Amino acid sequence: MPTLSDLRFGQVATIRSIQGEPALVQRLCEMGLLEGESVTLLAVAPLGDPIEILCGANRLSLRRREAASVHVEMLPSAAS
């Protein structure tokens, strides 16, 4: 299953699950990354880490290793 770290610029996905260390899962959930939420990749730092996502009305920055804990379902792009 793809993860948040697999998204490309502008791609939209729905969060399906969060796996990993309990402290990391709790922290991500407290930031608003919950199952069923829609996320969009907004930006990637010049060296590839961190990434910036839009989740609801919140803009969040995550390290790629943290984003790899969030399993998503890719949504079809609006352009197609």
C-alpha atoms as a PDB file:
ATOM      1  CA  MET A   1       0.000   0.000   0.000  1.00  0.00           C
ATOM      2  CA  PRO A   2       1.438   3.441  -0.879  1.00  0.00           C
ATOM      3  CA  THR A   3       2.421   5.839   1.877  1.00  0.00           C
ATOM      4  CA  LEU A   4       2.367   9.595   2.292  1.00  0.00           C
ATOM      5  CA  SER A   5       6.066   9.686   1.402  1.00  0.00           C
ATOM      6  CA  ASP A   6       5.196   8.251  -2.066  1.00  0.00           C
ATOM      7  CA  LEU A   7       2.995  11.205  -3.071  1.00  0.00           C
ATOM      8  CA  ARG A   8       4.136  13.527  -5.847  1.00  0.00           C
ATOM      9  CA  PHE A   9       3.599  17.286  -5.952  1.00  0.00           C
ATOM     10  CA  GLY A  10      -0.126  18.089  -6.073  1.00  0.00           C
ATOM     11  CA  GLN A  11      -1.315  14.498  -5.599  1.00  0.00           C
ATOM     12  CA  VAL A  12      -4.314  13.918  -3.377  1.00  0.00           C
ATOM     13  CA  ALA A  13      -4.839  10.820  -1.228  1.00  0.00           C
ATOM     14  CA  THR A  14      -7.014   9.525   1.591  1.00  0.00           C
ATOM     15  CA  ILE A  15      -5.416   8.246   4.789  1.00  0.00           C
ATOM     16  CA  ARG A  16      -6.165   4.537   5.295  1.00  0.00           C
ATOM     17  CA  SER A  17      -4.003   3.687   8.333  1.00  0.00           C
ATOM     18  CA  ILE A  18      -1.074   4.832  10.448  1.00  0.00           C
ATOM     19  CA  GLN A  19       1.454   2.268  11.630  1.00  0.00           C
ATOM     20  CA  GLY A  20       4.652   2.462  13.613  1.00  0.00           C
ATOM     21  CA  GLU A  21       5.863   3.355  17.083  1.00  0.00           C
ATOM     22  CA  PRO A  22       2.904   4.149  19.378  1.00  0.00           C
ATOM     23  CA  ALA A  23       4.359   7.586  20.245  1.00  0.00           C
ATOM     24  CA  LEU A  24       4.663   8.494  16.548  1.00  0.00           C
ATOM     25  CA  VAL A  25       1.147   7.256  15.756  1.00  0.00           C
ATOM     26  CA  GLN A  26      -0.254   9.303  18.642  1.00  0.00           C
ATOM     27  CA  ARG A  27       1.674  12.423  17.575  1.00  0.00           C
ATOM     28  CA  LEU A  28       0.467  12.154  13.966  1.00  0.00           C
ATOM     29  CA  CYS A  29      -3.121  11.661  15.103  1.00  0.00           C
ATOM     30  CA  GLU A  30      -2.855  14.711  17.375  1.00  0.00           C
ATOM     31  CA  MET A  31      -1.674  16.694  14.338  1.00  0.00           C
ATOM     32  CA  GLY A  32      -4.922  15.765  12.550  1.00  0.00           C
ATOM     33  CA  LEU A  33      -3.737  12.871  10.390  1.00  0.00           C
ATOM     34  CA  LEU A  34      -6.725  10.586  10.923  1.00  0.00           C
ATOM     35  CA  GLU A  35      -8.122   7.704   8.882  1.00  0.00           C
ATOM     36  CA  GLY A  36     -10.432   8.983   6.156  1.00  0.00           C
ATOM     37  CA  GLU A  37      -8.843  12.455   5.983  1.00  0.00           C
ATOM     38  CA  SER A  38      -7.828  13.795   2.591  1.00  0.00           C
ATOM     39  CA  VAL A  39      -4.210  14.975   2.196  1.00  0.00           C
ATOM     40  CA  THR A  40      -2.441  16.849  -0.599  1.00  0.00           C
ATOM     41  CA  LEU A  41       1.302  17.146  -1.117  1.00  0.00           C
ATOM     42  CA  LEU A  42       2.085  20.873  -1.327  1.00  0.00           C
ATOM     43  CA  ALA A  43       5.878  21.048  -1.362  1.00  0.00           C
ATOM     44  CA  VAL A  44       9.124  19.152  -0.950  1.00  0.00           C
ATOM     45  CA  ALA A  45      12.259  20.736   0.515  1.00  0.00           C
ATOM     46  CA  PRO A  46      15.164  21.192  -1.934  1.00  0.00           C
ATOM     47  CA  LEU A  47      17.011  18.144  -0.589  1.00  0.00           C
ATOM     48  CA  GLY A  48      13.817  16.033  -0.496  1.00  0.00           C
ATOM     49  CA  ASP A  49      13.134  16.188   3.242  1.00  0.00           C
ATOM     50  CA  PRO A  50      10.841  17.384   4.855  1.00  0.00           C
ATOM     51  CA  ILE A  51       7.611  17.430   2.870  1.00  0.00           C
ATOM     52  CA  GLU A  52       4.688  19.825   3.332  1.00  0.00           C
ATOM     53  CA  ILE A  53       1.140  18.516   3.167  1.00  0.00           C
ATOM     54  CA  LEU A  54      -2.350  19.948   3.446  1.00  0.00           C
ATOM     55  CA  CYS A  55      -4.646  17.992   5.758  1.00  0.00           C
ATOM     56  CA  GLY A  56      -8.019  19.630   6.213  1.00  0.00           C
ATOM     57  CA  ALA A  57      -7.255  23.325   6.797  1.00  0.00           C
ATOM     58  CA  ASN A  58      -3.807  22.577   8.261  1.00  0.00           C
ATOM     59  CA  ARG A  59      -0.426  22.772   6.533  1.00  0.00           C
ATOM     60  CA  LEU A  60       1.967  20.276   8.108  1.00  0.00           C
ATOM     61  CA  SER A  61       5.645  19.499   7.590  1.00  0.00           C
ATOM     62  CA  LEU A  62       6.772  15.905   8.078  1.00  0.00           C
ATOM     63  CA  ARG A  63      10.028  14.053   7.700  1.00  0.00           C
ATOM     64  CA  ARG A  64       9.857  11.370   5.006  1.00  0.00           C
ATOM     65  CA  ARG A  65      10.432   8.629   7.603  1.00  0.00           C
ATOM     66  CA  GLU A  66       7.369   9.891   9.521  1.00  0.00           C
ATOM     67  CA  ALA A  67       5.321  10.153   6.313  1.00  0.00           C
ATOM     68  CA  ALA A  68       6.235   6.544   5.500  1.00  0.00           C
ATOM     69  CA  SER A  69       4.139   5.468   8.516  1.00  0.00           C
ATOM     70  CA  VAL A  70       0.947   6.877   6.962  1.00  0.00           C
ATOM     71  CA  HIS A  71      -0.647   4.472   4.473  1.00  0.00           C
ATOM     72  CA  VAL A  72      -2.845   6.138   1.878  1.00  0.00           C
ATOM     73  CA  GLU A  73      -5.132   5.425  -1.048  1.00  0.00           C
ATOM     74  CA  MET A  74      -4.325   7.594  -4.055  1.00  0.00           C
ATOM     75  CA  LEU A  75      -7.252   9.547  -5.477  1.00  0.00           C
ATOM     76  CA  PRO A  76      -7.653  10.273  -9.187  1.00  0.00           C
ATOM     77  CA  SER A  77      -6.299  13.684 -10.105  1.00  0.00           C
ATOM     78  CA  ALA A  78      -8.740  16.458 -10.928  1.00  0.00           C
ATOM     79  CA  ALA A  79      -6.859  17.150 -14.161  1.00  0.00           C
ATOM     80  CA  SER A  80      -7.698  13.761 -15.714  1.00  0.00           C
END
